[in-house]
PDB file of N, CA and C in Angstrom:
ATOM      1  N   UNK A   1      77.452  22.324 -18.265  1.00  0.00           N
ATOM      2  CA  UNK A   1      76.382  22.508 -17.984  1.00  0.00           C
ATOM      3  C   UNK A   1      75.381  23.561 -18.489  1.00  0.00           C
ATOM      4  N   UNK A   2      73.816  23.101 -18.665  1.00  0.00           N
ATOM      5  CA  UNK A   2      73.072  24.251 -19.062  1.00  0.00           C
ATOM      6  C   UNK A   2      73.090  25.325 -18.163  1.00  0.00           C
ATOM      7  N   UNK A   3      73.012  26.516 -18.766  1.00  0.00           N
ATOM      8  CA  UNK A   3      72.655  27.651 -18.395  1.00  0.00           C
ATOM      9  C   UNK A   3      72.015  28.337 -17.465  1.00  0.00           C
ATOM     10  N   UNK A   4      70.711  27.397 -18.172  1.00  0.00           N
ATOM     11  CA  UNK A   4      69.544  27.688 -16.832  1.00  0.00           C
ATOM     12  C   UNK A   4      69.799  26.958 -16.048  1.00  0.00           C
ATOM     13  N   UNK A   5      70.385  25.994 -16.131  1.00  0.00           N
ATOM     14  CA  UNK A   5      70.300  25.428 -13.941  1.00  0.00           C
ATOM     15  C   UNK A   5      71.692  26.530 -13.580  1.00  0.00           C
ATOM     16  N   UNK A   6      72.539  27.167 -13.865  1.00  0.00           N
ATOM     17  CA  UNK A   6      73.562  27.624 -13.433  1.00  0.00           C
ATOM     18  C   UNK A   6      72.570  29.147 -13.096  1.00  0.00           C
ATOM     19  N   UNK A   7      71.924  29.515 -14.080  1.00  0.00           N
ATOM     20  CA  UNK A   7      71.248  30.845 -13.601  1.00  0.00           C
ATOM     21  C   UNK A   7      70.357  30.717 -12.629  1.00  0.00           C
ATOM     22  N   UNK A   8      69.949  29.237 -11.958  1.00  0.00           N
ATOM     23  CA  UNK A   8      68.411  29.295 -11.381  1.00  0.00           C
ATOM     24  C   UNK A   8      69.480  28.666  -9.622  1.00  0.00           C
ATOM     25  N   UNK A   9      70.840  28.708  -9.824  1.00  0.00           N
ATOM     26  CA  UNK A   9      71.581  28.257  -8.530  1.00  0.00           C
ATOM     27  C   UNK A   9      71.260  26.667  -7.989  1.00  0.00           C
ATOM     28  N   UNK A  10      70.909  25.913  -9.661  1.00  0.00           N
ATOM     29  CA  UNK A  10      70.616  24.871  -8.952  1.00  0.00           C
ATOM     30  C   UNK A  10      71.489  23.660  -9.547  1.00  0.00           C
ATOM     31  N   UNK A  11      71.677  22.639  -9.246  1.00  0.00           N
ATOM     32  CA  UNK A  11      72.470  21.616  -9.743  1.00  0.00           C
ATOM     33  C   UNK A  11      71.800  20.730 -10.313  1.00  0.00           C
ATOM     34  N   UNK A  12      72.127  20.487 -11.598  1.00  0.00           N
ATOM     35  CA  UNK A  12      71.332  19.250 -12.406  1.00  0.00           C
ATOM     36  C   UNK A  12      72.119  17.881 -11.998  1.00  0.00           C
ATOM     37  N   UNK A  13      71.128  17.023 -12.176  1.00  0.00           N
ATOM     38  CA  UNK A  13      71.744  15.433 -12.259  1.00  0.00           C
ATOM     39  C   UNK A  13      71.987  14.747 -13.409  1.00  0.00           C
ATOM     40  N   UNK A  14      73.223  14.357 -13.458  1.00  0.00           N
ATOM     41  CA  UNK A  14      73.686  13.578 -14.820  1.00  0.00           C
ATOM     42  C   UNK A  14      73.822  12.455 -14.413  1.00  0.00           C
ATOM     43  N   UNK A  15      73.698  11.074 -14.785  1.00  0.00           N
ATOM     44  CA  UNK A  15      74.473   9.889 -14.252  1.00  0.00           C
ATOM     45  C   UNK A  15      75.244   9.319 -15.959  1.00  0.00           C
ATOM     46  N   UNK A  16      76.197   8.752 -15.491  1.00  0.00           N
ATOM     47  CA  UNK A  16      77.020   7.998 -16.695  1.00  0.00           C
ATOM     48  C   UNK A  16      77.014   6.489 -16.140  1.00  0.00           C
ATOM     49  N   UNK A  17      76.527   6.104 -16.991  1.00  0.00           N
ATOM     50  CA  UNK A  17      76.620   4.387 -16.728  1.00  0.00           C
ATOM     51  C   UNK A  17      77.642   3.712 -17.714  1.00  0.00           C
ATOM     52  N   UNK A  18      78.143   2.558 -16.998  1.00  0.00           N
ATOM     53  CA  UNK A  18      78.889   1.635 -17.772  1.00  0.00           C
ATOM     54  C   UNK A  18      78.553   0.558 -17.978  1.00  0.00           C
ATOM     55  N   UNK A  19      78.385  -0.079 -19.113  1.00  0.00           N
ATOM     56  CA  UNK A  19      77.695  -1.569 -19.571  1.00  0.00           C
ATOM     57  C   UNK A  19      79.068  -2.401 -20.098  1.00  0.00           C
ATOM     58  N   UNK A  20      79.393  -3.700 -19.535  1.00  0.00           N
ATOM     59  CA  UNK A  20      80.350  -4.333 -19.827  1.00  0.00           C
ATOM     60  C   UNK A  20      80.146  -5.947 -19.352  1.00  0.00           C
ATOM     61  N   UNK A  21      79.013  -6.297 -19.574  1.00  0.00           N
ATOM     62  CA  UNK A  21      78.510  -7.689 -19.145  1.00  0.00           C
ATOM     63  C   UNK A  21      79.225  -8.707 -20.336  1.00  0.00           C
ATOM     64  N   UNK A  22      79.339  -8.244 -21.560  1.00  0.00           N
ATOM     65  CA  UNK A  22      79.924  -9.181 -22.588  1.00  0.00           C
ATOM     66  C   UNK A  22      81.222  -8.957 -23.183  1.00  0.00           C
ATOM     67  N   UNK A  23      80.584  -8.976 -24.840  1.00  0.00           N
ATOM     68  CA  UNK A  23      81.607  -8.907 -25.579  1.00  0.00           C
ATOM     69  C   UNK A  23      81.620  -6.959 -26.147  1.00  0.00           C
ATOM     70  N   UNK A  24      80.453  -6.147 -25.796  1.00  0.00           N
ATOM     71  CA  UNK A  24      80.122  -5.341 -25.707  1.00  0.00           C
ATOM     72  C   UNK A  24      80.543  -4.304 -24.470  1.00  0.00           C
ATOM     73  N   UNK A  25      81.304  -2.995 -24.802  1.00  0.00           N
ATOM     74  CA  UNK A  25      81.677  -2.104 -23.740  1.00  0.00           C
ATOM     75  C   UNK A  25      80.791  -0.964 -24.119  1.00  0.00           C
ATOM     76  N   UNK A  26      80.157  -0.246 -23.100  1.00  0.00           N
ATOM     77  CA  UNK A  26      79.301   0.818 -23.480  1.00  0.00           C
ATOM     78  C   UNK A  26      79.028   2.253 -22.231  1.00  0.00           C
ATOM     79  N   UNK A  27      79.209   3.109 -22.664  1.00  0.00           N
ATOM     80  CA  UNK A  27      79.191   4.307 -22.062  1.00  0.00           C
ATOM     81  C   UNK A  27      77.705   5.499 -22.371  1.00  0.00           C
ATOM     82  N   UNK A  28      77.293   5.393 -21.387  1.00  0.00           N
ATOM     83  CA  UNK A  28      75.857   6.655 -21.900  1.00  0.00           C
ATOM     84  C   UNK A  28      75.925   7.430 -20.471  1.00  0.00           C
ATOM     85  N   UNK A  29      75.454   8.416 -21.077  1.00  0.00           N
ATOM     86  CA  UNK A  29      74.966   9.712 -19.890  1.00  0.00           C
ATOM     87  C   UNK A  29      73.581   9.911 -20.076  1.00  0.00           C
ATOM     88  N   UNK A  30      72.898  10.097 -19.037  1.00  0.00           N
ATOM     89  CA  UNK A  30      71.319  10.408 -19.489  1.00  0.00           C
ATOM     90  C   UNK A  30      71.187  11.541 -18.555  1.00  0.00           C
ATOM     91  N   UNK A  31      70.200  12.455 -18.237  1.00  0.00           N
ATOM     92  CA  UNK A  31      69.824  13.655 -17.708  1.00  0.00           C
ATOM     93  C   UNK A  31      68.893  13.281 -16.544  1.00  0.00           C
ATOM     94  N   UNK A  32      68.650  13.964 -15.807  1.00  0.00           N
ATOM     95  CA  UNK A  32      67.713  13.732 -14.672  1.00  0.00           C
ATOM     96  C   UNK A  32      66.279  13.389 -14.979  1.00  0.00           C
ATOM     97  N   UNK A  33      65.790  14.036 -16.162  1.00  0.00           N
ATOM     98  CA  UNK A  33      64.638  13.969 -16.849  1.00  0.00           C
ATOM     99  C   UNK A  33      64.590  12.654 -17.895  1.00  0.00           C
ATOM    100  N   UNK A  34      65.521  12.077 -18.071  1.00  0.00           N
ATOM    101  CA  UNK A  34      65.687  10.542 -18.746  1.00  0.00           C
ATOM    102  C   UNK A  34      66.095  11.144 -20.283  1.00  0.00           C
ATOM    103  N   UNK A  35      66.838  12.241 -20.302  1.00  0.00           N
ATOM    104  CA  UNK A  35      67.193  12.508 -21.733  1.00  0.00           C
ATOM    105  C   UNK A  35      68.376  11.543 -21.978  1.00  0.00           C
ATOM    106  N   UNK A  36      68.627  10.950 -23.145  1.00  0.00           N
ATOM    107  CA  UNK A  36      69.808  10.030 -23.075  1.00  0.00           C
ATOM    108  C   UNK A  36      70.839  11.134 -23.702  1.00  0.00           C
ATOM    109  N   UNK A  37      71.979  11.773 -23.379  1.00  0.00           N
ATOM    110  CA  UNK A  37      72.831  12.579 -23.605  1.00  0.00           C
ATOM    111  C   UNK A  37      73.811  11.751 -24.572  1.00  0.00           C
ATOM    112  N   UNK A  38      74.400  10.406 -24.209  1.00  0.00           N
ATOM    113  CA  UNK A  38      75.319   9.881 -25.177  1.00  0.00           C
ATOM    114  C   UNK A  38      75.174   8.570 -24.983  1.00  0.00           C
ATOM    115  N   UNK A  39      75.369   7.927 -26.020  1.00  0.00           N
ATOM    116  CA  UNK A  39      75.490   6.266 -25.802  1.00  0.00           C
ATOM    117  C   UNK A  39      76.292   5.777 -26.347  1.00  0.00           C
ATOM    118  N   UNK A  40      77.329   5.580 -26.095  1.00  0.00           N
ATOM    119  CA  UNK A  40      78.519   5.078 -27.392  1.00  0.00           C
ATOM    120  C   UNK A  40      79.126   3.852 -26.725  1.00  0.00           C
ATOM    121  N   UNK A  41      79.177   2.795 -27.652  1.00  0.00           N
ATOM    122  CA  UNK A  41      80.125   1.814 -27.455  1.00  0.00           C
ATOM    123  C   UNK A  41      80.834   0.679 -28.305  1.00  0.00           C
ATOM    124  N   UNK A  42      81.160   0.057 -28.001  1.00  0.00           N
ATOM    125  CA  UNK A  42      82.574  -0.620 -28.917  1.00  0.00           C
ATOM    126  C   UNK A  42      82.282  -2.240 -28.502  1.00  0.00           C
ATOM    127  N   UNK A  43      82.579  -2.979 -29.715  1.00  0.00           N
ATOM    128  CA  UNK A  43      82.223  -4.475 -29.406  1.00  0.00           C
ATOM    129  C   UNK A  43      83.294  -5.137 -30.034  1.00  0.00           C
ATOM    130  N   UNK A  44      83.828  -5.819 -28.786  1.00  0.00           N
ATOM    131  CA  UNK A  44      85.004  -7.018 -28.904  1.00  0.00           C
ATOM    132  C   UNK A  44      84.717  -8.240 -30.203  1.00  0.00           C
ATOM    133  N   UNK A  45      85.352  -8.566 -30.996  1.00  0.00           N
ATOM    134  CA  UNK A  45      84.997  -9.319 -32.112  1.00  0.00           C
ATOM    135  C   UNK A  45      86.316 -10.208 -32.073  1.00  0.00           C
ATOM    136  N   UNK A  46      85.911 -11.365 -31.673  1.00  0.00           N
ATOM    137  CA  UNK A  46      86.879 -12.611 -31.386  1.00  0.00           C
ATOM    138  C   UNK A  46      87.451 -13.189 -32.939  1.00  0.00           C
ATOM    139  N   UNK A  47      88.252 -13.891 -33.235  1.00  0.00           N
ATOM    140  CA  UNK A  47      88.636 -14.439 -34.333  1.00  0.00           C
ATOM    141  C   UNK A  47      87.919 -15.519 -34.833  1.00  0.00           C
ATOM    142  N   UNK A  48      88.248 -15.342 -36.203  1.00  0.00           N
ATOM    143  CA  UNK A  48      86.920 -16.507 -36.916  1.00  0.00           C
ATOM    144  C   UNK A  48      87.123 -17.886 -36.234  1.00  0.00           C
ATOM    145  N   UNK A  49      85.977 -18.131 -35.986  1.00  0.00           N
ATOM    146  CA  UNK A  49      86.060 -19.494 -35.284  1.00  0.00           C
ATOM    147  C   UNK A  49      86.049 -19.906 -34.015  1.00  0.00           C
ATOM    148  N   UNK A  50      86.150 -18.805 -33.050  1.00  0.00           N
ATOM    149  CA  UNK A  50      86.243 -18.865 -31.666  1.00  0.00           C
ATOM    150  C   UNK A  50      85.316 -17.856 -31.280  1.00  0.00           C
ATOM    151  N   UNK A  51      84.403 -18.668 -29.915  1.00  0.00           N
ATOM    152  CA  UNK A  51      84.142 -17.710 -29.298  1.00  0.00           C
ATOM    153  C   UNK A  51      84.477 -16.626 -28.807  1.00  0.00           C
ATOM    154  N   UNK A  52      83.712 -15.854 -28.025  1.00  0.00           N
ATOM    155  CA  UNK A  52      84.595 -14.539 -27.249  1.00  0.00           C
ATOM    156  C   UNK A  52      84.856 -15.204 -26.060  1.00  0.00           C
ATOM    157  N   UNK A  53      86.235 -14.935 -25.696  1.00  0.00           N
ATOM    158  CA  UNK A  53      86.665 -15.437 -24.412  1.00  0.00           C
ATOM    159  C   UNK A  53      86.892 -14.392 -23.548  1.00  0.00           C
ATOM    160  N   UNK A  54      86.817 -14.720 -22.092  1.00  0.00           N
ATOM    161  CA  UNK A  54      86.328 -13.641 -21.222  1.00  0.00           C
ATOM    162  C   UNK A  54      87.706 -12.704 -20.889  1.00  0.00           C
ATOM    163  N   UNK A  55      88.767 -13.802 -20.823  1.00  0.00           N
ATOM    164  CA  UNK A  55      90.142 -12.703 -20.586  1.00  0.00           C
ATOM    165  C   UNK A  55      90.460 -11.966 -21.884  1.00  0.00           C
ATOM    166  N   UNK A  56      90.402 -12.294 -23.095  1.00  0.00           N
ATOM    167  CA  UNK A  56      90.633 -11.644 -24.034  1.00  0.00           C
ATOM    168  C   UNK A  56      89.517  -9.943 -24.167  1.00  0.00           C
ATOM    169  N   UNK A  57      88.180 -10.662 -23.765  1.00  0.00           N
ATOM    170  CA  UNK A  57      87.145  -9.467 -23.568  1.00  0.00           C
ATOM    171  C   UNK A  57      87.730  -8.355 -22.419  1.00  0.00           C
ATOM    172  N   UNK A  58      87.919  -8.843 -21.294  1.00  0.00           N
ATOM    173  CA  UNK A  58      88.473  -7.958 -20.548  1.00  0.00           C
ATOM    174  C   UNK A  58      89.261  -7.266 -21.059  1.00  0.00           C
ATOM    175  N   UNK A  59      90.568  -7.703 -21.556  1.00  0.00           N
ATOM    176  CA  UNK A  59      91.649  -6.723 -22.121  1.00  0.00           C
ATOM    177  C   UNK A  59      90.823  -5.837 -22.946  1.00  0.00           C
ATOM    178  N   UNK A  60      90.291  -6.047 -23.880  1.00  0.00           N
ATOM    179  CA  UNK A  60      89.324  -5.267 -24.994  1.00  0.00           C
ATOM    180  C   UNK A  60      88.988  -4.055 -24.231  1.00  0.00           C
ATOM    181  N   UNK A  61      88.299  -4.564 -23.190  1.00  0.00           N
ATOM    182  CA  UNK A  61      87.225  -3.616 -22.376  1.00  0.00           C
ATOM    183  C   UNK A  61      88.476  -2.397 -21.954  1.00  0.00           C
ATOM    184  N   UNK A  62      89.264  -2.878 -21.020  1.00  0.00           N
ATOM    185  CA  UNK A  62      90.365  -1.971 -20.730  1.00  0.00           C
ATOM    186  C   UNK A  62      90.776  -1.189 -21.032  1.00  0.00           C
ATOM    187  N   UNK A  63      91.399  -1.459 -22.722  1.00  0.00           N
ATOM    188  CA  UNK A  63      91.943  -0.543 -23.777  1.00  0.00           C
ATOM    189  C   UNK A  63      90.989   0.580 -24.302  1.00  0.00           C
ATOM    190  N   UNK A  64      89.623  -0.076 -23.870  1.00  0.00           N
ATOM    191  CA  UNK A  64      88.750   0.953 -24.644  1.00  0.00           C
ATOM    192  C   UNK A  64      87.691   1.976 -23.698  1.00  0.00           C
ATOM    193  N   UNK A  65      87.962   1.433 -22.615  1.00  0.00           N
ATOM    194  CA  UNK A  65      86.705   2.048 -21.939  1.00  0.00           C
ATOM    195  C   UNK A  65      86.797   3.788 -21.753  1.00  0.00           C
ATOM    196  N   UNK A  66      88.161   4.476 -21.446  1.00  0.00           N
ATOM    197  CA  UNK A  66      89.006   5.861 -21.407  1.00  0.00           C
ATOM    198  C   UNK A  66      88.379   6.420 -22.413  1.00  0.00           C
ATOM    199  N   UNK A  67      88.636   5.935 -23.587  1.00  0.00           N
ATOM    200  CA  UNK A  67      88.064   6.762 -24.892  1.00  0.00           C
ATOM    201  C   UNK A  67      86.941   6.839 -24.987  1.00  0.00           C
ATOM    202  N   UNK A  68      85.835   6.100 -24.792  1.00  0.00           N
ATOM    203  CA  UNK A  68      84.648   5.886 -24.611  1.00  0.00           C
ATOM    204  C   UNK A  68      84.054   6.806 -23.488  1.00  0.00           C
ATOM    205  N   UNK A  69      84.764   6.928 -22.204  1.00  0.00           N
ATOM    206  CA  UNK A  69      83.869   7.761 -21.588  1.00  0.00           C
ATOM    207  C   UNK A  69      84.476   9.652 -21.764  1.00  0.00           C
ATOM    208  N   UNK A  70      85.133   9.174 -22.415  1.00  0.00           N
ATOM    209  CA  UNK A  70      85.532  10.759 -22.988  1.00  0.00           C
ATOM    210  C   UNK A  70      84.686  11.126 -23.914  1.00  0.00           C
ATOM    211  N   UNK A  71      84.610  10.152 -25.436  1.00  0.00           N
ATOM    212  CA  UNK A  71      83.747  10.256 -25.833  1.00  0.00           C
ATOM    213  C   UNK A  71      82.258  10.400 -25.733  1.00  0.00           C
ATOM    214  N   UNK A  72      82.002   9.762 -24.966  1.00  0.00           N
ATOM    215  CA  UNK A  72      80.537  10.112 -24.160  1.00  0.00           C
ATOM    216  C   UNK A  72      80.310  11.375 -23.556  1.00  0.00           C
ATOM    217  N   UNK A  73      81.375  11.927 -22.785  1.00  0.00           N
ATOM    218  CA  UNK A  73      81.553  13.686 -22.144  1.00  0.00           C
ATOM    219  C   UNK A  73      81.164  14.083 -23.390  1.00  0.00           C
ATOM    220  N   UNK A  74      82.094  13.976 -24.430  1.00  0.00           N
ATOM    221  CA  UNK A  74      82.009  15.189 -25.601  1.00  0.00           C
ATOM    222  C   UNK A  74      80.738  15.040 -26.232  1.00  0.00           C
ATOM    223  N   UNK A  75      80.433  13.852 -26.725  1.00  0.00           N
ATOM    224  CA  UNK A  75      78.823  13.682 -27.098  1.00  0.00           C
ATOM    225  C   UNK A  75      77.493  14.599 -25.977  1.00  0.00           C
ATOM    226  N   UNK A  76      78.168  14.484 -24.615  1.00  0.00           N
ATOM    227  CA  UNK A  76      77.083  14.935 -23.779  1.00  0.00           C
ATOM    228  C   UNK A  76      77.311  16.851 -23.712  1.00  0.00           C
ATOM    229  N   UNK A  77      78.158  17.246 -24.372  1.00  0.00           N
ATOM    230  CA  UNK A  77      78.660  18.187 -24.132  1.00  0.00           C
ATOM    231  C   UNK A  77      79.066  18.536 -22.361  1.00  0.00           C
ATOM    232  N   UNK A  78      78.945  17.730 -21.708  1.00  0.00           N
ATOM    233  CA  UNK A  78      79.553  17.836 -20.371  1.00  0.00           C
ATOM    234  C   UNK A  78      80.897  17.988 -19.892  1.00  0.00           C
ATOM    235  N   UNK A  79      81.388  18.214 -18.816  1.00  0.00           N
ATOM    236  CA  UNK A  79      82.448  18.097 -18.321  1.00  0.00           C
ATOM    237  C   UNK A  79      82.463  16.964 -17.084  1.00  0.00           C
ATOM    238  N   UNK A  80      83.622  16.084 -16.904  1.00  0.00           N
ATOM    239  CA  UNK A  80      83.629  15.135 -15.910  1.00  0.00           C
ATOM    240  C   UNK A  80      83.188  15.570 -14.622  1.00  0.00           C
ATOM    241  N   UNK A  81      83.513  16.776 -14.329  1.00  0.00           N
ATOM    242  CA  UNK A  81      82.754  17.512 -12.884  1.00  0.00           C
ATOM    243  C   UNK A  81      81.151  17.796 -12.796  1.00  0.00           C
ATOM    244  N   UNK A  82      80.638  17.489 -14.145  1.00  0.00           N
ATOM    245  CA  UNK A  82      78.955  17.736 -14.047  1.00  0.00           C
ATOM    246  C   UNK A  82      78.656  16.513 -13.808  1.00  0.00           C
ATOM    247  N   UNK A  83      79.182  15.194 -13.964  1.00  0.00           N
ATOM    248  CA  UNK A  83      78.512  13.900 -13.423  1.00  0.00           C
ATOM    249  C   UNK A  83      78.157  13.892 -12.079  1.00  0.00           C
ATOM    250  N   UNK A  84      77.006  13.668 -11.937  1.00  0.00           N
ATOM    251  CA  UNK A  84      76.462  13.439 -10.392  1.00  0.00           C
ATOM    252  C   UNK A  84      76.719  12.093  -9.887  1.00  0.00           C
ATOM    253  N   UNK A  85      76.345  11.179 -10.534  1.00  0.00           N
ATOM    254  CA  UNK A  85      76.514   9.582 -10.221  1.00  0.00           C
ATOM    255  C   UNK A  85      76.946   8.859 -11.396  1.00  0.00           C
ATOM    256  N   UNK A  86      77.479   7.489 -10.917  1.00  0.00           N
ATOM    257  CA  UNK A  86      77.795   6.300 -12.100  1.00  0.00           C
ATOM    258  C   UNK A  86      77.311   5.419 -11.533  1.00  0.00           C
ATOM    259  N   UNK A  87      76.868   4.690 -12.786  1.00  0.00           N
ATOM    260  CA  UNK A  87      75.892   3.426 -12.461  1.00  0.00           C
ATOM    261  C   UNK A  87      77.162   2.434 -13.171  1.00  0.00           C
ATOM    262  N   UNK A  88      77.227   1.121 -12.919  1.00  0.00           N
ATOM    263  CA  UNK A  88      78.244   0.349 -13.558  1.00  0.00           C
ATOM    264  C   UNK A  88      77.476  -1.222 -13.505  1.00  0.00           C
ATOM    265  N   UNK A  89      77.778  -1.917 -14.636  1.00  0.00           N
ATOM    266  CA  UNK A  89      77.345  -3.094 -14.795  1.00  0.00           C
ATOM    267  C   UNK A  89      78.124  -4.145 -13.326  1.00  0.00           C
ATOM    268  N   UNK A  90      77.443  -4.678 -12.236  1.00  0.00           N
ATOM    269  CA  UNK A  90      78.051  -5.147 -11.302  1.00  0.00           C
ATOM    270  C   UNK A  90      78.387  -6.672 -11.405  1.00  0.00           C
ATOM    271  N   UNK A  91      77.465  -7.352 -12.199  1.00  0.00           N
ATOM    272  CA  UNK A  91      77.981  -8.971 -12.496  1.00  0.00           C
ATOM    273  C   UNK A  91      77.302  -9.587 -13.932  1.00  0.00           C
ATOM    274  N   UNK A  92      77.639 -10.771 -14.067  1.00  0.00           N
ATOM    275  CA  UNK A  92      76.852 -11.291 -15.174  1.00  0.00           C
ATOM    276  C   UNK A  92      77.531 -13.042 -14.851  1.00  0.00           C
ATOM    277  N   UNK A  93      77.104 -13.768 -16.129  1.00  0.00           N
ATOM    278  CA  UNK A  93      77.639 -15.167 -16.188  1.00  0.00           C
ATOM    279  C   UNK A  93      78.778 -15.168 -16.167  1.00  0.00           C
ATOM    280  N   UNK A  94      79.518 -13.967 -16.825  1.00  0.00           N
ATOM    281  CA  UNK A  94      81.396 -14.020 -16.841  1.00  0.00           C
ATOM    282  C   UNK A  94      81.825 -12.943 -15.963  1.00  0.00           C
ATOM    283  N   UNK A  95      83.020 -13.337 -15.565  1.00  0.00           N
ATOM    284  CA  UNK A  95      83.413 -12.330 -14.277  1.00  0.00           C
ATOM    285  C   UNK A  95      84.260 -11.444 -14.920  1.00  0.00           C
ATOM    286  N   UNK A  96      85.386 -11.900 -15.845  1.00  0.00           N
ATOM    287  CA  UNK A  96      86.197 -10.571 -15.784  1.00  0.00           C
ATOM    288  C   UNK A  96      85.761  -9.226 -16.882  1.00  0.00           C
ATOM    289  N   UNK A  97      84.821  -9.092 -17.847  1.00  0.00           N
ATOM    290  CA  UNK A  97      84.361  -8.128 -18.205  1.00  0.00           C
ATOM    291  C   UNK A  97      83.660  -7.101 -17.266  1.00  0.00           C
ATOM    292  N   UNK A  98      83.054  -7.479 -16.614  1.00  0.00           N
ATOM    293  CA  UNK A  98      82.333  -6.228 -15.783  1.00  0.00           C
ATOM    294  C   UNK A  98      83.269  -6.224 -14.571  1.00  0.00           C
ATOM    295  N   UNK A  99      84.389  -6.696 -14.498  1.00  0.00           N
ATOM    296  CA  UNK A  99      85.528  -6.393 -13.598  1.00  0.00           C
ATOM    297  C   UNK A  99      85.905  -4.829 -14.237  1.00  0.00           C
ATOM    298  N   UNK A 100      86.229  -4.957 -15.473  1.00  0.00           N
ATOM    299  CA  UNK A 100      86.564  -3.617 -15.795  1.00  0.00           C
ATOM    300  C   UNK A 100      85.318  -2.061 -15.917  1.00  0.00           C
ATOM    301  N   UNK A 101      84.151  -2.623 -16.155  1.00  0.00           N
ATOM    302  CA  UNK A 101      83.293  -1.687 -15.718  1.00  0.00           C
ATOM    303  C   UNK A 101      83.141  -0.937 -14.142  1.00  0.00           C
ATOM    304  N   UNK A 102      83.490  -1.538 -13.452  1.00  0.00           N
ATOM    305  CA  UNK A 102      83.772  -1.632 -12.122  1.00  0.00           C
ATOM    306  C   UNK A 102      84.389  -1.025 -11.362  1.00  0.00           C
ATOM    307  N   UNK A 103      85.720  -0.624 -12.135  1.00  0.00           N
ATOM    308  CA  UNK A 103      86.648  -0.248 -11.866  1.00  0.00           C
ATOM    309  C   UNK A 103      87.045   0.941 -11.765  1.00  0.00           C
TER     310      UNK A 103
END
């Protein structure tokens, strides 16, 4: 957390967002003034000749989400307790990947 907020006795607002509606899973952190502090993501790549399958994509998202949240916190120089709110993908055309981002 920036020292200017601490010195003024204020609590800044930082939102952590998780997007996982298709084959890409991403975590971003934004400040209350709209500054993007972190935007990290990974993409599930299906085997050649196959489209991405929801079950495999969801499993990939589950494997990657914790490291992405940690990477976003590191990139933003914030600690978990600095996060004020969390936003996530609630739904899409496929069910399983968004279920990961909403956990």
